[in-house]
Amino acid sequence: MRIGLGQFNELTDDILTFIKQIGVDDFQMNFYHCPLSDDGYLHYEDLQSLRQRGEAADLRLAAIENVPISYYDKCMLGLPGRDQQIANMHKTIRNLGKAGIPIFGYHWASTGVAREPDNAVLQSGARGTRFELAAHTNDPHERGRVFTDEEIWANYEYYMERILPVAEEAGVKLALHPDDPPVESLGGVARIMRSFDNFKRAMDTFDSPNHGLDFCMGCWSEMGGHDNVIRSLRHFGGQQKIFYIHFRDVQGPVTCFNECYIGDGNVDTLEVIKVLKEVNFDGFMIPDHVPELDGDLGWNQRGRAHAVGYMKALIEVVDKLD
């Protein structure tokens, strides 16, 4: 297993230098908010340029995570126009393979990530995002009406039946992220990637070496705390279905939680590393959401430096226990 850095959408010289100076070799980029193009797909030339810039700095571009929801919202909701979006996604996946980028992280939540406007206050005034389900009881229908579990599952299956063969052909692994937060519904739209059983259904239905998990430890912690994280790591990790990991945690259950420093949350992170070694996990882990510290720049480098140091120490301790 190895540590990387990610969750940025612009590859600046400052970021490349920081990644190298902090002592990691892998990076991942996230285009959830910032499309590389307005054409509804990622272009080969842009992807190749990102990989080559990383290589020039002696770094590996290990994955691209997400495209804007507008690239495939009709697919998630089963709306007219989804087949054109699927055709565009075929272009994205083939361009990733052609550019030599091995993993494409994706999610299935058309209503996105939900957090409250005011953050939780952590030690000495650091800030962590938070969520309260009770605050969303009267949320309007974001997509105009209610969408049920059955509809969203049917749309997912329609999509994957057409996407997975292209990923296999292109040599690209698809890594599924949980809904965040993993609640039954938000804004009137069912959120199906919310439980162990639902992930098992998704992996069993579309069982392929090219289909696995972006294992977001924070979301799995939200679903059921430490025991849920360990159970899921053993199950999916034992099947070699975990392609990479968002190494973060929360305090509290899915109905009311806040993000926090690694080691301060629901999960015994030392046991996590032990289990990852037990299942022979050989992918990469990145800090995901990190606390915001005073004086941070836009990418929260201070919080990421803390997380990387903590993760390196955990791996070193587990290696020495052997």
Protein backbone atom coordinates (compact mmCIF):
# COMPACT_ATOMS: atom_id res chain seq x y z
CA MET A 1 0.00 0.00 0.00
CA ARG A 2 1.15 3.52 -0.64
CA ILE A 3 0.10 7.09 0.17
CA GLY A 4 -0.82 9.75 -2.36
CA LEU A 5 -2.41 13.17 -2.45
CA GLY A 6 -5.40 14.39 -4.37
CA GLN A 7 -8.71 16.25 -4.41
CA PHE A 8 -7.57 19.19 -6.52
CA ASN A 9 -8.58 20.13 -10.06
CA GLU A 10 -5.69 22.34 -11.19
CA LEU A 11 -2.15 20.99 -11.48
CA THR A 12 -0.01 23.93 -10.39
CA ASP A 13 3.74 23.98 -9.85
CA ASP A 14 3.13 24.70 -6.14
CA ILE A 15 0.97 21.59 -5.76
CA LEU A 16 3.47 19.39 -7.61
CA THR A 17 6.27 20.67 -5.38
CA PHE A 18 4.23 20.17 -2.21
CA ILE A 19 3.34 16.59 -3.15
CA LYS A 20 6.96 15.71 -3.77
CA GLN A 21 8.28 17.51 -0.69
CA ILE A 22 5.75 15.82 1.58
CA GLY A 23 7.22 12.48 0.51
CA VAL A 24 4.62 10.78 -1.68
CA ASP A 25 4.76 9.70 -5.31
CA ASP A 26 1.12 9.30 -6.38
CA PHE A 27 -1.52 11.91 -7.03
CA GLN A 28 -5.17 11.91 -8.03
CA MET A 29 -7.24 14.70 -9.55
CA ASN A 30 -10.93 15.46 -8.99
CA PHE A 31 -13.13 17.24 -11.55
CA TYR A 32 -16.38 17.19 -9.56
CA HIS A 33 -16.68 20.98 -9.67
CA CYS A 34 -14.38 21.95 -12.51
CA PRO A 35 -14.76 20.38 -15.96
CA LEU A 36 -11.72 20.12 -18.19
CA SER A 37 -13.99 20.84 -21.17
CA ASP A 38 -17.50 22.04 -21.97
CA ASP A 39 -18.09 19.14 -24.35
CA GLY A 40 -19.45 16.72 -21.74
CA TYR A 41 -16.38 14.48 -21.73
CA LEU A 42 -12.66 14.55 -20.87
CA HIS A 43 -10.33 15.03 -23.82
CA TYR A 44 -7.29 12.84 -24.46
CA GLU A 45 -4.91 15.77 -24.98
CA ASP A 46 -5.83 17.30 -21.60
CA LEU A 47 -5.45 13.99 -19.79
CA GLN A 48 -2.16 13.18 -21.47
CA SER A 49 -0.82 16.63 -20.54
CA LEU A 50 -1.71 16.10 -16.87
CA ARG A 51 -0.01 12.71 -16.77
CA GLN A 52 3.10 14.04 -18.51
CA ARG A 53 3.35 17.04 -16.16
CA GLY A 54 3.21 14.68 -13.23
CA GLU A 55 5.89 12.45 -14.72
CA ALA A 56 8.12 15.48 -15.30
CA ALA A 57 7.91 16.08 -11.54
CA ASP A 58 8.65 12.37 -10.87
CA LEU A 59 5.02 11.72 -9.82
CA ARG A 60 2.37 9.23 -10.98
CA LEU A 61 -1.16 10.30 -11.93
CA ALA A 62 -2.86 7.29 -10.33
CA ALA A 63 -6.51 8.20 -10.92
CA ILE A 64 -9.00 10.74 -12.16
CA GLU A 65 -11.95 11.06 -9.81
CA ASN A 66 -15.36 12.33 -10.89
CA VAL A 67 -16.68 14.48 -13.66
CA PRO A 68 -19.28 17.20 -13.08
CA ILE A 69 -22.73 15.83 -12.26
CA SER A 70 -24.01 17.59 -15.38
CA TYR A 71 -21.95 15.12 -17.48
CA TYR A 72 -24.23 12.22 -16.45
CA ASP A 73 -27.18 13.50 -14.43
CA LYS A 74 -29.63 12.22 -17.05
CA CYS A 75 -28.08 8.77 -16.65
CA MET A 76 -28.56 8.80 -12.88
CA LEU A 77 -32.17 9.96 -13.21
CA GLY A 78 -33.18 8.03 -16.34
CA LEU A 79 -34.04 11.16 -18.31
CA PRO A 80 -34.14 11.76 -22.06
CA GLY A 81 -30.63 12.43 -23.30
CA ARG A 82 -28.95 9.78 -21.16
CA ASP A 83 -27.77 7.77 -24.16
CA GLN A 84 -25.85 10.80 -25.46
CA GLN A 85 -24.29 11.23 -22.01
CA ILE A 86 -23.33 7.56 -22.04
CA ALA A 87 -21.71 8.03 -25.46
CA ASN A 88 -19.72 10.93 -24.02
CA MET A 89 -18.71 8.82 -21.03
CA HIS A 90 -17.42 6.20 -23.45
CA LYS A 91 -15.15 8.91 -24.87
CA THR A 92 -13.93 9.86 -21.39
CA ILE A 93 -13.11 6.26 -20.48
CA ARG A 94 -11.37 5.51 -23.76
CA ASN A 95 -9.36 8.73 -23.45
CA LEU A 96 -8.30 7.79 -19.92
CA GLY A 97 -7.07 4.44 -21.18
CA LYS A 98 -5.27 6.01 -24.13
CA ALA A 99 -3.60 8.53 -21.79
CA GLY A 100 -2.39 5.76 -19.48
CA ILE A 101 -4.50 6.75 -16.45
CA PRO A 102 -5.58 3.46 -14.86
CA ILE A 103 -8.51 4.36 -12.56
CA PHE A 104 -11.67 6.42 -12.96
CA GLY A 105 -13.50 7.17 -9.70
CA TYR A 106 -17.25 7.79 -9.89
CA HIS A 107 -20.33 8.18 -7.68
CA TRP A 108 -24.08 7.72 -8.18
CA ALA A 109 -25.58 10.66 -6.25
CA SER A 110 -27.27 13.20 -8.49
CA THR A 111 -27.93 15.46 -5.48
CA GLY A 112 -24.23 15.54 -4.60
CA VAL A 113 -22.52 15.92 -1.23
CA ALA A 114 -24.53 17.56 1.57
CA ARG A 115 -23.09 19.50 4.48
CA GLU A 116 -24.34 22.24 6.80
CA PRO A 117 -23.32 25.87 6.18
CA ASP A 118 -21.55 26.22 9.54
CA ASN A 119 -18.64 23.93 10.38
CA ALA A 120 -17.91 22.03 13.56
CA VAL A 121 -15.16 23.55 15.72
CA LEU A 122 -12.32 21.12 16.45
CA GLN A 123 -9.23 21.51 18.62
CA SER A 124 -7.90 25.07 19.01
CA GLY A 125 -10.40 26.41 16.48
CA ALA A 126 -9.72 24.12 13.51
CA ARG A 127 -12.85 23.46 11.44
CA GLY A 128 -14.46 20.27 10.15
CA THR A 129 -17.53 19.97 7.95
CA ARG A 130 -20.71 18.56 9.52
CA PHE A 131 -24.10 17.09 8.59
CA GLU A 132 -27.44 16.91 10.42
CA LEU A 133 -30.18 14.88 8.78
CA ALA A 134 -32.87 16.70 10.79
CA ALA A 135 -31.94 19.94 9.00
CA HIS A 136 -33.02 18.42 5.67
CA THR A 137 -36.48 17.14 6.58
CA ASN A 138 -38.24 19.80 4.52
CA ASP A 139 -35.76 20.10 1.66
CA PRO A 140 -37.50 20.72 -1.69
CA HIS A 141 -37.36 18.13 -4.45
CA GLU A 142 -34.09 19.04 -6.16
CA ARG A 143 -34.96 17.18 -9.35
CA GLY A 144 -38.65 18.13 -9.58
CA ARG A 145 -40.17 14.99 -8.07
CA VAL A 146 -39.44 11.95 -5.92
CA PHE A 147 -37.11 9.30 -7.39
CA THR A 148 -37.37 5.91 -5.69
CA ASP A 149 -34.75 3.29 -4.86
CA GLU A 150 -36.12 1.08 -7.62
CA GLU A 151 -35.77 3.81 -10.23
CA ILE A 152 -32.23 4.72 -9.24
CA TRP A 153 -31.18 1.05 -9.19
CA ALA A 154 -32.69 0.52 -12.65
CA ASN A 155 -30.85 3.58 -13.96
CA TYR A 156 -27.57 2.37 -12.44
CA GLU A 157 -27.93 -1.04 -14.06
CA TYR A 158 -28.79 0.51 -17.45
CA TYR A 159 -25.68 2.69 -17.18
CA MET A 160 -23.25 0.01 -16.03
CA GLU A 161 -24.40 -2.49 -18.67
CA ARG A 162 -23.20 0.04 -21.26
CA ILE A 163 -20.18 1.51 -19.46
CA LEU A 164 -18.37 -1.47 -17.94
CA PRO A 165 -17.60 -3.25 -21.26
CA VAL A 166 -15.97 -0.07 -22.54
CA ALA A 167 -13.88 0.23 -19.36
CA GLU A 168 -12.76 -3.40 -19.76
CA GLU A 169 -11.84 -2.77 -23.38
CA ALA A 170 -9.92 0.41 -22.50
CA GLY A 171 -8.10 -1.13 -19.52
CA VAL A 172 -9.59 1.37 -17.07
CA LYS A 173 -10.81 0.43 -13.58
CA LEU A 174 -14.07 2.01 -12.36
CA ALA A 175 -14.03 2.83 -8.63
CA LEU A 176 -17.40 3.46 -6.95
CA HIS A 177 -17.63 6.02 -4.11
CA PRO A 178 -20.42 5.89 -1.48
CA ASP A 179 -23.14 8.51 -1.31
CA ASP A 180 -22.07 11.25 1.07
CA PRO A 181 -23.92 11.31 3.36
CA PRO A 182 -25.16 7.72 2.94
CA VAL A 183 -28.79 8.39 3.86
CA GLU A 184 -31.88 6.92 2.21
CA SER A 185 -32.83 10.06 0.30
CA LEU A 186 -31.97 13.75 -0.06
CA GLY A 187 -33.86 16.34 -2.05
CA GLY A 188 -36.40 13.71 -3.01
CA VAL A 189 -33.84 11.45 -4.74
CA ALA A 190 -32.96 8.01 -3.38
CA ARG A 191 -29.29 7.47 -2.51
CA ILE A 192 -28.64 3.80 -3.15
CA MET A 193 -24.89 3.60 -2.44
CA ARG A 194 -25.49 3.82 1.30
CA SER A 195 -24.88 0.38 2.84
CA PHE A 196 -22.79 -2.77 2.79
CA ASP A 197 -25.64 -4.76 1.28
CA ASN A 198 -26.17 -2.24 -1.52
CA PHE A 199 -22.48 -2.17 -2.38
CA LYS A 200 -22.43 -5.95 -2.40
CA ARG A 201 -25.35 -5.89 -4.82
CA ALA A 202 -23.53 -3.44 -7.11
CA MET A 203 -20.28 -5.44 -7.06
CA ASP A 204 -22.00 -8.82 -7.47
CA THR A 205 -24.22 -7.60 -10.32
CA PHE A 206 -21.28 -6.09 -12.21
CA ASP A 207 -18.51 -8.45 -11.20
CA SER A 208 -15.38 -7.62 -13.15
CA PRO A 209 -11.68 -7.01 -12.44
CA ASN A 210 -12.38 -3.51 -13.79
CA HIS A 211 -15.13 -2.71 -11.27
CA GLY A 212 -14.40 -2.00 -7.62
CA LEU A 213 -14.42 0.58 -4.88
CA ASP A 214 -13.09 3.98 -4.08
CA PHE A 215 -13.34 3.06 -0.41
CA CYS A 216 -14.17 6.30 1.39
CA MET A 217 -13.47 5.37 5.00
CA GLY A 218 -15.36 8.42 6.25
CA CYS A 219 -18.57 7.42 4.46
CA TRP A 220 -18.29 3.80 5.63
CA SER A 221 -17.74 5.16 9.14
CA GLU A 222 -20.90 7.26 8.75
CA MET A 223 -22.83 4.13 7.72
CA GLY A 224 -21.99 2.09 10.81
CA GLY A 225 -18.84 3.12 12.62
CA HIS A 226 -15.70 1.09 13.20
CA ASP A 227 -17.23 -2.39 12.87
CA ASN A 228 -18.79 -1.53 9.50
CA VAL A 229 -15.45 -0.25 8.19
CA ILE A 230 -13.56 -3.37 9.26
CA ARG A 231 -16.22 -5.77 7.96
CA SER A 232 -16.33 -4.01 4.60
CA LEU A 233 -12.54 -3.84 4.23
CA ARG A 234 -12.27 -7.57 4.87
CA HIS A 235 -15.07 -8.44 2.45
CA PHE A 236 -14.26 -6.19 -0.50
CA GLY A 237 -10.52 -6.11 0.16
CA GLY A 238 -10.46 -9.89 0.27
CA GLN A 239 -12.02 -9.85 -3.21
CA GLN A 240 -9.40 -7.34 -4.42
CA LYS A 241 -12.26 -4.93 -5.07
CA ILE A 242 -10.73 -1.92 -3.29
CA PHE A 243 -8.83 0.11 -5.87
CA TYR A 244 -8.00 3.11 -3.67
CA ILE A 245 -8.99 4.66 -0.37
CA HIS A 246 -10.11 8.04 0.94
CA PHE A 247 -8.48 7.87 4.36
CA ARG A 248 -10.65 10.12 6.53
CA ASP A 249 -13.05 9.74 9.44
CA VAL A 250 -15.99 11.35 11.24
CA GLN A 251 -17.34 11.66 14.75
CA GLY A 252 -20.90 10.38 15.11
CA PRO A 253 -23.40 8.40 13.00
CA VAL A 254 -24.88 9.25 9.62
CA THR A 255 -27.78 11.18 11.15
CA CYS A 256 -25.46 13.70 12.85
CA PHE A 257 -21.69 13.73 12.29
CA ASN A 258 -18.74 16.00 11.77
CA GLU A 259 -15.45 15.38 10.03
CA CYS A 260 -12.33 15.38 12.18
CA TYR A 261 -8.64 14.63 12.36
CA ILE A 262 -7.56 11.06 11.60
CA GLY A 263 -7.43 9.22 14.91
CA ASP A 264 -10.13 11.33 16.57
CA GLY A 265 -13.12 9.67 14.90
CA ASN A 266 -15.22 6.53 15.05
CA VAL A 267 -12.57 4.23 13.57
CA ASP A 268 -9.48 2.58 15.04
CA THR A 269 -7.18 3.52 12.18
CA LEU A 270 -4.35 1.26 13.35
CA GLU A 271 -6.66 -1.73 12.95
CA VAL A 272 -7.60 -0.47 9.50
CA ILE A 273 -3.96 -0.63 8.36
CA LYS A 274 -3.61 -4.09 9.90
CA VAL A 275 -6.64 -5.32 7.94
CA LEU A 276 -5.41 -3.72 4.72
CA LYS A 277 -2.14 -5.58 5.13
CA GLU A 278 -4.06 -8.78 5.92
CA VAL A 279 -6.01 -8.56 2.62
CA ASN A 280 -2.88 -7.60 0.64
CA PHE A 281 -4.19 -4.19 -0.38
CA ASP A 282 -1.71 -2.79 -2.91
CA GLY A 283 -3.46 0.39 -4.00
CA PHE A 284 -3.01 3.97 -2.84
CA MET A 285 -4.62 5.98 -0.05
CA ILE A 286 -5.18 9.73 -0.02
CA PRO A 287 -6.33 12.15 2.65
CA ASP A 288 -9.75 13.26 1.50
CA HIS A 289 -11.55 16.03 3.38
CA VAL A 290 -9.19 17.37 6.04
CA PRO A 291 -9.74 19.92 8.82
CA GLU A 292 -9.28 23.54 7.87
CA LEU A 293 -6.54 25.24 9.89
CA ASP A 294 -5.85 28.94 10.34
CA GLY A 295 -3.55 30.18 7.60
CA ASP A 296 -4.42 27.36 5.20
CA LEU A 297 -4.41 28.01 1.51
CA GLY A 298 -7.25 26.89 -0.75
CA TRP A 299 -6.16 23.25 -0.75
CA ASN A 300 -5.75 22.92 3.05
CA GLN A 301 -2.09 21.89 2.78
CA ARG A 302 -1.57 22.00 6.56
CA GLY A 303 -4.34 19.52 7.19
CA ARG A 304 -3.06 17.29 4.40
CA ALA A 305 0.49 17.36 5.77
CA HIS A 306 -0.85 16.26 9.17
CA ALA A 307 -2.84 13.43 7.56
CA VAL A 308 0.07 12.17 5.44
CA GLY A 309 2.37 12.10 8.47
CA TYR A 310 -0.23 10.21 10.50
CA MET A 311 -0.80 7.68 7.71
CA LYS A 312 2.93 7.11 7.21
CA ALA A 313 3.33 6.47 10.94
CA LEU A 314 0.44 3.97 10.97
CA ILE A 315 1.97 1.98 8.11
CA GLU A 316 5.42 2.02 9.73
CA VAL A 317 4.04 0.78 13.05
CA VAL A 318 2.11 -2.08 11.41
CA ASP A 319 5.16 -3.08 9.36
CA LYS A 320 7.27 -3.21 12.53
CA LEU A 321 4.65 -5.27 14.39
CA ASP A 322 5.44 -8.07 11.94
